[in-house]
Amino acid sequence: MRRGRAELGLVTRVVPDSELLPTATATAQKLAAKPAGALRAHKRLLRRAPVGELSAAIAAENQEFGLRLGSVEAKEAFAAFLEKRPPNFTPTAAK
């Protein structure tokens, strides 16, 4: 039996053609509001995931987490949390 893309986890949702552009735009805006460094780290970890053992993947994730914890983006996230405001991850705000 052939499994569909959604069943394989390749699709998170399906929208009608008329909603495709607004949905894609909204998704892009959500991603653009996130810290760019963290997104890059996430992509690096995902690319490495299928080629190694679980222990190596966990070690890589822990190392990346440690590096990200000291980043300007993390400091902004912690400050925003404590100040009860949304974080601002724009490059100009990170300086």
PDB file of N, CA and C in Angstrom:
ATOM      1  N   MET A   1       0.840  -1.194   0.000  1.00  0.00           N
ATOM      2  CA  MET A   1       0.000   0.000   0.000  1.00  0.00           C
ATOM      3  C   MET A   1       0.873   1.241   0.000  1.00  0.00           C
ATOM      4  N   ARG A   2       0.595   2.147  -0.876  1.00  0.00           N
ATOM      5  CA  ARG A   2       1.359   3.383  -0.998  1.00  0.00           C
ATOM      6  C   ARG A   2       0.835   4.426  -0.021  1.00  0.00           C
ATOM      7  N   ARG A   3       1.747   5.004   0.740  1.00  0.00           N
ATOM      8  CA  ARG A   3       1.341   6.024   1.722  1.00  0.00           C
ATOM      9  C   ARG A   3       1.428   7.408   1.089  1.00  0.00           C
ATOM     10  N   GLY A   4       0.516   8.280   1.495  1.00  0.00           N
ATOM     11  CA  GLY A   4       0.507   9.646   0.987  1.00  0.00           C
ATOM     12  C   GLY A   4       1.541  10.517   1.675  1.00  0.00           C
ATOM     13  N   ARG A   5       1.792  11.676   1.119  1.00  0.00           N
ATOM     14  CA  ARG A   5       2.781  12.606   1.670  1.00  0.00           C
ATOM     15  C   ARG A   5       2.446  13.027   3.093  1.00  0.00           C
ATOM     16  N   ALA A   6       1.175  13.247   3.368  1.00  0.00           N
ATOM     17  CA  ALA A   6       0.772  13.656   4.721  1.00  0.00           C
ATOM     18  C   ALA A   6       1.067  12.553   5.723  1.00  0.00           C
ATOM     19  N   GLU A   7       0.822  11.313   5.337  1.00  0.00           N
ATOM     20  CA  GLU A   7       1.086  10.183   6.233  1.00  0.00           C
ATOM     21  C   GLU A   7       2.572  10.006   6.517  1.00  0.00           C
ATOM     22  N   LEU A   8       3.406  10.403   5.584  1.00  0.00           N
ATOM     23  CA  LEU A   8       4.855  10.298   5.760  1.00  0.00           C
ATOM     24  C   LEU A   8       5.426  11.477   6.545  1.00  0.00           C
ATOM     25  N   GLY A   9       4.595  12.453   6.859  1.00  0.00           N
ATOM     26  CA  GLY A   9       5.061  13.612   7.605  1.00  0.00           C
ATOM     27  C   GLY A   9       5.697  14.684   6.740  1.00  0.00           C
ATOM     28  N   LEU A  10       5.532  14.590   5.432  1.00  0.00           N
ATOM     29  CA  LEU A  10       6.109  15.579   4.524  1.00  0.00           C
ATOM     30  C   LEU A  10       5.221  16.801   4.355  1.00  0.00           C
ATOM     31  N   VAL A  11       3.979  16.694   4.809  1.00  0.00           N
ATOM     32  CA  VAL A  11       2.999  17.764   4.672  1.00  0.00           C
ATOM     33  C   VAL A  11       2.382  18.001   6.040  1.00  0.00           C
ATOM     34  N   THR A  12       2.321  19.256   6.456  1.00  0.00           N
ATOM     35  CA  THR A  12       1.700  19.543   7.745  1.00  0.00           C
ATOM     36  C   THR A  12       0.222  19.875   7.598  1.00  0.00           C
ATOM     37  N   ARG A  13      -0.146  20.374   6.419  1.00  0.00           N
ATOM     38  CA  ARG A  13      -1.566  20.594   6.144  1.00  0.00           C
ATOM     39  C   ARG A  13      -1.751  20.858   4.655  1.00  0.00           C
ATOM     40  N   VAL A  14      -2.980  20.697   4.220  1.00  0.00           N
ATOM     41  CA  VAL A  14      -3.343  20.914   2.825  1.00  0.00           C
ATOM     42  C   VAL A  14      -4.394  22.008   2.800  1.00  0.00           C
ATOM     43  N   VAL A  15      -4.210  22.963   1.896  1.00  0.00           N
ATOM     44  CA  VAL A  15      -5.178  24.063   1.778  1.00  0.00           C
ATOM     45  C   VAL A  15      -5.667  24.134   0.338  1.00  0.00           C
ATOM     46  N   PRO A  16      -6.855  24.684   0.136  1.00  0.00           N
ATOM     47  CA  PRO A  16      -7.346  24.885  -1.230  1.00  0.00           C
ATOM     48  C   PRO A  16      -6.446  25.854  -1.989  1.00  0.00           C
ATOM     49  N   ASP A  17      -6.442  25.743  -3.300  1.00  0.00           N
ATOM     50  CA  ASP A  17      -5.621  26.615  -4.138  1.00  0.00           C
ATOM     51  C   ASP A  17      -5.820  28.093  -3.808  1.00  0.00           C
ATOM     52  N   SER A  18      -7.056  28.476  -3.530  1.00  0.00           N
ATOM     53  CA  SER A  18      -7.354  29.887  -3.266  1.00  0.00           C
ATOM     54  C   SER A  18      -6.698  30.389  -1.970  1.00  0.00           C
ATOM     55  N   GLU A  19      -6.325  29.465  -1.070  1.00  0.00           N
ATOM     56  CA  GLU A  19      -5.702  29.847   0.202  1.00  0.00           C
ATOM     57  C   GLU A  19      -4.198  29.624   0.217  1.00  0.00           C
ATOM     58  N   LEU A  20      -3.649  29.128  -0.883  1.00  0.00           N
ATOM     59  CA  LEU A  20      -2.229  28.773  -0.902  1.00  0.00           C
ATOM     60  C   LEU A  20      -1.314  29.975  -0.663  1.00  0.00           C
ATOM     61  N   LEU A  21      -1.478  31.041  -1.424  1.00  0.00           N
ATOM     62  CA  LEU A  21      -0.597  32.201  -1.272  1.00  0.00           C
ATOM     63  C   LEU A  21      -0.750  32.861   0.103  1.00  0.00           C
ATOM     64  N   PRO A  22      -1.969  33.116   0.595  1.00  0.00           N
ATOM     65  CA  PRO A  22      -2.084  33.699   1.933  1.00  0.00           C
ATOM     66  C   PRO A  22      -1.489  32.799   3.028  1.00  0.00           C
ATOM     67  N   THR A  23      -1.664  31.482   2.879  1.00  0.00           N
ATOM     68  CA  THR A  23      -1.123  30.548   3.872  1.00  0.00           C
ATOM     69  C   THR A  23       0.398  30.546   3.817  1.00  0.00           C
ATOM     70  N   ALA A  24       0.963  30.517   2.618  1.00  0.00           N
ATOM     71  CA  ALA A  24       2.421  30.546   2.463  1.00  0.00           C
ATOM     72  C   ALA A  24       2.992  31.852   2.993  1.00  0.00           C
ATOM     73  N   THR A  25       2.315  32.952   2.733  1.00  0.00           N
ATOM     74  CA  THR A  25       2.772  34.256   3.217  1.00  0.00           C
ATOM     75  C   THR A  25       2.743  34.306   4.741  1.00  0.00           C
ATOM     76  N   ALA A  26       1.683  33.814   5.335  1.00  0.00           N
ATOM     77  CA  ALA A  26       1.583  33.802   6.796  1.00  0.00           C
ATOM     78  C   ALA A  26       2.680  32.929   7.414  1.00  0.00           C
ATOM     79  N   THR A  27       2.952  31.801   6.799  1.00  0.00           N
ATOM     80  CA  THR A  27       4.015  30.917   7.297  1.00  0.00           C
ATOM     81  C   THR A  27       5.369  31.602   7.180  1.00  0.00           C
ATOM     82  N   ALA A  28       5.615  32.253   6.061  1.00  0.00           N
ATOM     83  CA  ALA A  28       6.881  32.967   5.862  1.00  0.00           C
ATOM     84  C   ALA A  28       7.039  34.097   6.884  1.00  0.00           C
ATOM     85  N   GLN A  29       5.957  34.790   7.193  1.00  0.00           N
ATOM     86  CA  GLN A  29       6.023  35.863   8.189  1.00  0.00           C
ATOM     87  C   GLN A  29       6.332  35.311   9.578  1.00  0.00           C
ATOM     88  N   LYS A  30       5.757  34.166   9.913  1.00  0.00           N
ATOM     89  CA  LYS A  30       6.047  33.537  11.209  1.00  0.00           C
ATOM     90  C   LYS A  30       7.520  33.156  11.295  1.00  0.00           C
ATOM     91  N   LEU A  31       8.048  32.588  10.226  1.00  0.00           N
ATOM     92  CA  LEU A  31       9.459  32.197  10.223  1.00  0.00           C
ATOM     93  C   LEU A  31      10.366  33.419  10.275  1.00  0.00           C
ATOM     94  N   ALA A  32       9.994  34.480   9.565  1.00  0.00           N
ATOM     95  CA  ALA A  32      10.814  35.695   9.544  1.00  0.00           C
ATOM     96  C   ALA A  32      10.870  36.361  10.915  1.00  0.00           C
ATOM     97  N   ALA A  33       9.879  36.129  11.764  1.00  0.00           N
ATOM     98  CA  ALA A  33       9.854  36.727  13.097  1.00  0.00           C
ATOM     99  C   ALA A  33      10.703  35.947  14.098  1.00  0.00           C
ATOM    100  N   LYS A  34      11.172  34.774  13.703  1.00  0.00           N
ATOM    101  CA  LYS A  34      11.972  33.940  14.598  1.00  0.00           C
ATOM    102  C   LYS A  34      13.451  34.301  14.471  1.00  0.00           C
ATOM    103  N   PRO A  35      14.255  33.937  15.465  1.00  0.00           N
ATOM    104  CA  PRO A  35      15.680  34.273  15.402  1.00  0.00           C
ATOM    105  C   PRO A  35      16.388  33.514  14.278  1.00  0.00           C
ATOM    106  N   ALA A  36      17.025  34.259  13.392  1.00  0.00           N
ATOM    107  CA  ALA A  36      17.661  33.664  12.213  1.00  0.00           C
ATOM    108  C   ALA A  36      18.751  32.661  12.599  1.00  0.00           C
ATOM    109  N   GLY A  37      19.531  32.969  13.604  1.00  0.00           N
ATOM    110  CA  GLY A  37      20.596  32.057  14.018  1.00  0.00           C
ATOM    111  C   GLY A  37      20.052  30.726  14.500  1.00  0.00           C
ATOM    112  N   ALA A  38      18.966  30.763  15.225  1.00  0.00           N
ATOM    113  CA  ALA A  38      18.346  29.530  15.715  1.00  0.00           C
ATOM    114  C   ALA A  38      17.773  28.715  14.563  1.00  0.00           C
ATOM    115  N   LEU A  39      17.191  29.379  13.577  1.00  0.00           N
ATOM    116  CA  LEU A  39      16.669  28.665  12.414  1.00  0.00           C
ATOM    117  C   LEU A  39      17.801  28.006  11.624  1.00  0.00           C
ATOM    118  N   ARG A  40      18.927  28.713  11.472  1.00  0.00           N
ATOM    119  CA  ARG A  40      20.085  28.130  10.787  1.00  0.00           C
ATOM    120  C   ARG A  40      20.600  26.907  11.544  1.00  0.00           C
ATOM    121  N   ALA A  41      20.679  27.007  12.864  1.00  0.00           N
ATOM    122  CA  ALA A  41      21.138  25.884  13.687  1.00  0.00           C
ATOM    123  C   ALA A  41      20.195  24.693  13.539  1.00  0.00           C
ATOM    124  N   HIS A  42      18.906  24.974  13.523  1.00  0.00           N
ATOM    125  CA  HIS A  42      17.903  23.913  13.373  1.00  0.00           C
ATOM    126  C   HIS A  42      18.086  23.185  12.042  1.00  0.00           C
ATOM    127  N   LYS A  43      18.295  23.951  10.972  1.00  0.00           N
ATOM    128  CA  LYS A  43      18.491  23.339   9.658  1.00  0.00           C
ATOM    129  C   LYS A  43      19.764  22.493   9.633  1.00  0.00           C
ATOM    130  N   ARG A  44      20.835  22.987  10.273  1.00  0.00           N
ATOM    131  CA  ARG A  44      22.076  22.203  10.338  1.00  0.00           C
ATOM    132  C   ARG A  44      21.842  20.867  11.028  1.00  0.00           C
ATOM    133  N   LEU A  45      21.135  20.914  12.150  1.00  0.00           N
ATOM    134  CA  LEU A  45      20.864  19.687  12.900  1.00  0.00           C
ATOM    135  C   LEU A  45      19.979  18.725  12.106  1.00  0.00           C
ATOM    136  N   LEU A  46      19.002  19.259  11.403  1.00  0.00           N
ATOM    137  CA  LEU A  46      18.128  18.401  10.601  1.00  0.00           C
ATOM    138  C   LEU A  46      18.885  17.734   9.462  1.00  0.00           C
ATOM    139  N   ARG A  47      19.811  18.461   8.844  1.00  0.00           N
ATOM    140  CA  ARG A  47      20.593  17.874   7.752  1.00  0.00           C
ATOM    141  C   ARG A  47      21.487  16.748   8.255  1.00  0.00           C
ATOM    142  N   ARG A  48      21.975  16.845   9.478  1.00  0.00           N
ATOM    143  CA  ARG A  48      22.858  15.828  10.037  1.00  0.00           C
ATOM    144  C   ARG A  48      22.099  14.623  10.578  1.00  0.00           C
ATOM    145  N   ALA A  49      20.850  14.784  10.912  1.00  0.00           N
ATOM    146  CA  ALA A  49      20.086  13.757  11.628  1.00  0.00           C
ATOM    147  C   ALA A  49      20.104  12.379  10.989  1.00  0.00           C
ATOM    148  N   PRO A  50      19.861  12.234   9.700  1.00  0.00           N
ATOM    149  CA  PRO A  50      19.746  10.876   9.175  1.00  0.00           C
ATOM    150  C   PRO A  50      21.064  10.111   9.040  1.00  0.00           C
ATOM    151  N   VAL A  51      22.200  10.763   9.186  1.00  0.00           N
ATOM    152  CA  VAL A  51      23.466  10.110   8.884  1.00  0.00           C
ATOM    153  C   VAL A  51      24.213   9.573  10.099  1.00  0.00           C
ATOM    154  N   GLY A  52      23.735   9.807  11.293  1.00  0.00           N
ATOM    155  CA  GLY A  52      24.492   9.378  12.457  1.00  0.00           C
ATOM    156  C   GLY A  52      23.679   8.577  13.450  1.00  0.00           C
ATOM    157  N   GLU A  53      24.348   8.222  14.506  1.00  0.00           N
ATOM    158  CA  GLU A  53      23.689   7.522  15.595  1.00  0.00           C
ATOM    159  C   GLU A  53      22.967   8.511  16.494  1.00  0.00           C
ATOM    160  N   LEU A  54      22.049   7.986  17.278  1.00  0.00           N
ATOM    161  CA  LEU A  54      21.272   8.835  18.170  1.00  0.00           C
ATOM    162  C   LEU A  54      22.170   9.574  19.159  1.00  0.00           C
ATOM    163  N   SER A  55      23.157   8.899  19.715  1.00  0.00           N
ATOM    164  CA  SER A  55      24.035   9.546  20.690  1.00  0.00           C
ATOM    165  C   SER A  55      24.804  10.703  20.063  1.00  0.00           C
ATOM    166  N   ALA A  56      25.215  10.553  18.801  1.00  0.00           N
ATOM    167  CA  ALA A  56      25.922  11.636  18.106  1.00  0.00           C
ATOM    168  C   ALA A  56      24.982  12.803  17.836  1.00  0.00           C
ATOM    169  N   ALA A  57      23.726  12.504  17.493  1.00  0.00           N
ATOM    170  CA  ALA A  57      22.742  13.558  17.243  1.00  0.00           C
ATOM    171  C   ALA A  57      22.446  14.329  18.524  1.00  0.00           C
ATOM    172  N   ILE A  58      22.346  13.606  19.638  1.00  0.00           N
ATOM    173  CA  ILE A  58      22.090  14.266  20.921  1.00  0.00           C
ATOM    174  C   ILE A  58      23.270  15.151  21.310  1.00  0.00           C
ATOM    175  N   ALA A  59      24.480  14.665  21.099  1.00  0.00           N
ATOM    176  CA  ALA A  59      25.678  15.457  21.411  1.00  0.00           C
ATOM    177  C   ALA A  59      25.727  16.724  20.556  1.00  0.00           C
ATOM    178  N   ALA A  60      25.416  16.599  19.268  1.00  0.00           N
ATOM    179  CA  ALA A  60      25.405  17.765  18.379  1.00  0.00           C
ATOM    180  C   ALA A  60      24.340  18.765  18.812  1.00  0.00           C
ATOM    181  N   GLU A  61      23.171  18.266  19.195  1.00  0.00           N
ATOM    182  CA  GLU A  61      22.101  19.158  19.648  1.00  0.00           C
ATOM    183  C   GLU A  61      22.499  19.876  20.933  1.00  0.00           C
ATOM    184  N   ASN A  62      23.109  19.158  21.861  1.00  0.00           N
ATOM    185  CA  ASN A  62      23.543  19.781  23.115  1.00  0.00           C
ATOM    186  C   ASN A  62      24.604  20.847  22.864  1.00  0.00           C
ATOM    187  N   GLN A  63      25.526  20.559  21.956  1.00  0.00           N
ATOM    188  CA  GLN A  63      26.569  21.539  21.623  1.00  0.00           C
ATOM    189  C   GLN A  63      25.940  22.786  21.002  1.00  0.00           C
ATOM    190  N   GLU A  64      25.028  22.585  20.077  1.00  0.00           N
ATOM    191  CA  GLU A  64      24.366  23.724  19.421  1.00  0.00           C
ATOM    192  C   GLU A  64      23.561  24.523  20.432  1.00  0.00           C
ATOM    193  N   PHE A  65      22.870  23.837  21.335  1.00  0.00           N
ATOM    194  CA  PHE A  65      22.094  24.518  22.361  1.00  0.00           C
ATOM    195  C   PHE A  65      22.997  25.398  23.220  1.00  0.00           C
ATOM    196  N   GLY A  66      24.145  24.864  23.609  1.00  0.00           N
ATOM    197  CA  GLY A  66      25.084  25.643  24.407  1.00  0.00           C
ATOM    198  C   GLY A  66      25.562  26.887  23.686  1.00  0.00           C
ATOM    199  N   LEU A  67      25.841  26.755  22.400  1.00  0.00           N
ATOM    200  CA  LEU A  67      26.267  27.909  21.611  1.00  0.00           C
ATOM    201  C   LEU A  67      25.145  28.936  21.488  1.00  0.00           C
ATOM    202  N   ARG A  68      23.937  28.471  21.240  1.00  0.00           N
ATOM    203  CA  ARG A  68      22.797  29.376  21.060  1.00  0.00           C
ATOM    204  C   ARG A  68      22.418  30.069  22.361  1.00  0.00           C
ATOM    205  N   LEU A  69      22.649  29.423  23.490  1.00  0.00           N
ATOM    206  CA  LEU A  69      22.266  29.988  24.781  1.00  0.00           C
ATOM    207  C   LEU A  69      22.975  31.309  25.067  1.00  0.00           C
ATOM    208  N   GLY A  70      24.172  31.473  24.552  1.00  0.00           N
ATOM    209  CA  GLY A  70      24.916  32.718  24.768  1.00  0.00           C
ATOM    210  C   GLY A  70      24.733  33.745  23.667  1.00  0.00           C
ATOM    211  N   SER A  71      23.855  33.488  22.725  1.00  0.00           N
ATOM    212  CA  SER A  71      23.687  34.390  21.582  1.00  0.00           C
ATOM    213  C   SER A  71      22.900  35.647  21.951  1.00  0.00           C
ATOM    214  N   VAL A  72      23.038  36.640  21.106  1.00  0.00           N
ATOM    215  CA  VAL A  72      22.265  37.881  21.256  1.00  0.00           C
ATOM    216  C   VAL A  72      20.767  37.570  21.180  1.00  0.00           C
ATOM    217  N   GLU A  73      20.413  36.627  20.315  1.00  0.00           N
ATOM    218  CA  GLU A  73      19.004  36.257  20.168  1.00  0.00           C
ATOM    219  C   GLU A  73      18.446  35.655  21.460  1.00  0.00           C
ATOM    220  N   ALA A  74      19.234  34.808  22.118  1.00  0.00           N
ATOM    221  CA  ALA A  74      18.779  34.207  23.373  1.00  0.00           C
ATOM    222  C   ALA A  74      18.614  35.280  24.444  1.00  0.00           C
ATOM    223  N   LYS A  75      19.555  36.212  24.491  1.00  0.00           N
ATOM    224  CA  LYS A  75      19.458  37.297  25.476  1.00  0.00           C
ATOM    225  C   LYS A  75      18.190  38.113  25.252  1.00  0.00           C
ATOM    226  N   GLU A  76      17.867  38.361  23.982  1.00  0.00           N
ATOM    227  CA  GLU A  76      16.636  39.091  23.662  1.00  0.00           C
ATOM    228  C   GLU A  76      15.419  38.283  24.069  1.00  0.00           C
ATOM    229  N   ALA A  77      15.446  36.979  23.832  1.00  0.00           N
ATOM    230  CA  ALA A  77      14.310  36.131  24.201  1.00  0.00           C
ATOM    231  C   ALA A  77      14.092  36.131  25.710  1.00  0.00           C
ATOM    232  N   PHE A  78      15.171  36.000  26.481  1.00  0.00           N
ATOM    233  CA  PHE A  78      15.053  36.004  27.940  1.00  0.00           C
ATOM    234  C   PHE A  78      14.563  37.360  28.449  1.00  0.00           C
ATOM    235  N   ALA A  79      15.123  38.441  27.892  1.00  0.00           N
ATOM    236  CA  ALA A  79      14.708  39.784  28.307  1.00  0.00           C
ATOM    237  C   ALA A  79      13.229  39.997  28.005  1.00  0.00           C
ATOM    238  N   ALA A  80      12.796  39.597  26.813  1.00  0.00           N
ATOM    239  CA  ALA A  80      11.392  39.767  26.435  1.00  0.00           C
ATOM    240  C   ALA A  80      10.480  38.971  27.364  1.00  0.00           C
ATOM    241  N   PHE A  81      10.895  37.772  27.718  1.00  0.00           N
ATOM    242  CA  PHE A  81      10.099  36.944  28.624  1.00  0.00           C
ATOM    243  C   PHE A  81       9.955  37.635  29.975  1.00  0.00           C
ATOM    244  N   LEU A  82      11.067  38.110  30.510  1.00  0.00           N
ATOM    245  CA  LEU A  82      11.034  38.752  31.828  1.00  0.00           C
ATOM    246  C   LEU A  82      10.251  40.062  31.809  1.00  0.00           C
ATOM    247  N   GLU A  83      10.308  40.755  30.671  1.00  0.00           N
ATOM    248  CA  GLU A  83       9.594  42.035  30.544  1.00  0.00           C
ATOM    249  C   GLU A  83       8.166  41.839  30.035  1.00  0.00           C
ATOM    250  N   LYS A  84       7.767  40.587  29.847  1.00  0.00           N
ATOM    251  CA  LYS A  84       6.415  40.239  29.393  1.00  0.00           C
ATOM    252  C   LYS A  84       6.034  40.966  28.104  1.00  0.00           C
ATOM    253  N   ARG A  85       6.942  40.849  27.118  1.00  0.00           N
ATOM    254  CA  ARG A  85       6.708  41.451  25.808  1.00  0.00           C
ATOM    255  C   ARG A  85       7.144  40.460  24.734  1.00  0.00           C
ATOM    256  N   PRO A  86       6.684  40.646  23.518  1.00  0.00           N
ATOM    257  CA  PRO A  86       7.144  39.763  22.445  1.00  0.00           C
ATOM    258  C   PRO A  86       8.612  40.056  22.114  1.00  0.00           C
ATOM    259  N   PRO A  87       9.389  39.058  21.786  1.00  0.00           N
ATOM    260  CA  PRO A  87      10.791  39.309  21.439  1.00  0.00           C
ATOM    261  C   PRO A  87      10.898  39.979  20.068  1.00  0.00           C
ATOM    262  N   ASN A  88      11.949  40.753  19.895  1.00  0.00           N
ATOM    263  CA  ASN A  88      12.226  41.422  18.628  1.00  0.00           C
ATOM    264  C   ASN A  88      13.529  40.867  18.104  1.00  0.00           C
ATOM    265  N   PHE A  89      13.461  39.994  17.099  1.00  0.00           N
ATOM    266  CA  PHE A  89      14.652  39.345  16.577  1.00  0.00           C
ATOM    267  C   PHE A  89      15.177  39.982  15.296  1.00  0.00           C
ATOM    268  N   THR A  90      14.754  41.203  14.998  1.00  0.00           N
ATOM    269  CA  THR A  90      15.280  41.862  13.800  1.00  0.00           C
ATOM    270  C   THR A  90      16.764  42.151  14.009  1.00  0.00           C
ATOM    271  N   PRO A  91      17.554  42.105  12.922  1.00  0.00           N
ATOM    272  CA  PRO A  91      18.991  42.314  13.066  1.00  0.00           C
ATOM    273  C   PRO A  91      19.366  43.658  13.731  1.00  0.00           C
ATOM    274  N   THR A  92      18.613  44.696  13.462  1.00  0.00           N
ATOM    275  CA  THR A  92      18.927  45.992  14.076  1.00  0.00           C
ATOM    276  C   THR A  92      18.631  46.002  15.558  1.00  0.00           C
ATOM    277  N   ALA A  93      17.648  45.221  15.998  1.00  0.00           N
ATOM    278  CA  ALA A  93      17.297  45.171  17.414  1.00  0.00           C
ATOM    279  C   ALA A  93      18.310  44.345  18.194  1.00  0.00           C
ATOM    280  N   ALA A  94      19.029  43.465  17.520  1.00  0.00           N
ATOM    281  CA  ALA A  94      19.971  42.569  18.185  1.00  0.00           C
ATOM    282  C   ALA A  94      21.271  43.267  18.558  1.00  0.00           C
ATOM    283  N   LYS A  95      21.509  44.446  18.055  1.00  0.00           N
ATOM    284  CA  LYS A  95      22.776  45.141  18.335  1.00  0.00           C
ATOM    285  C   LYS A  95      22.776  45.777  19.704  1.00  0.00           C
TER     286      LYS A  95
END
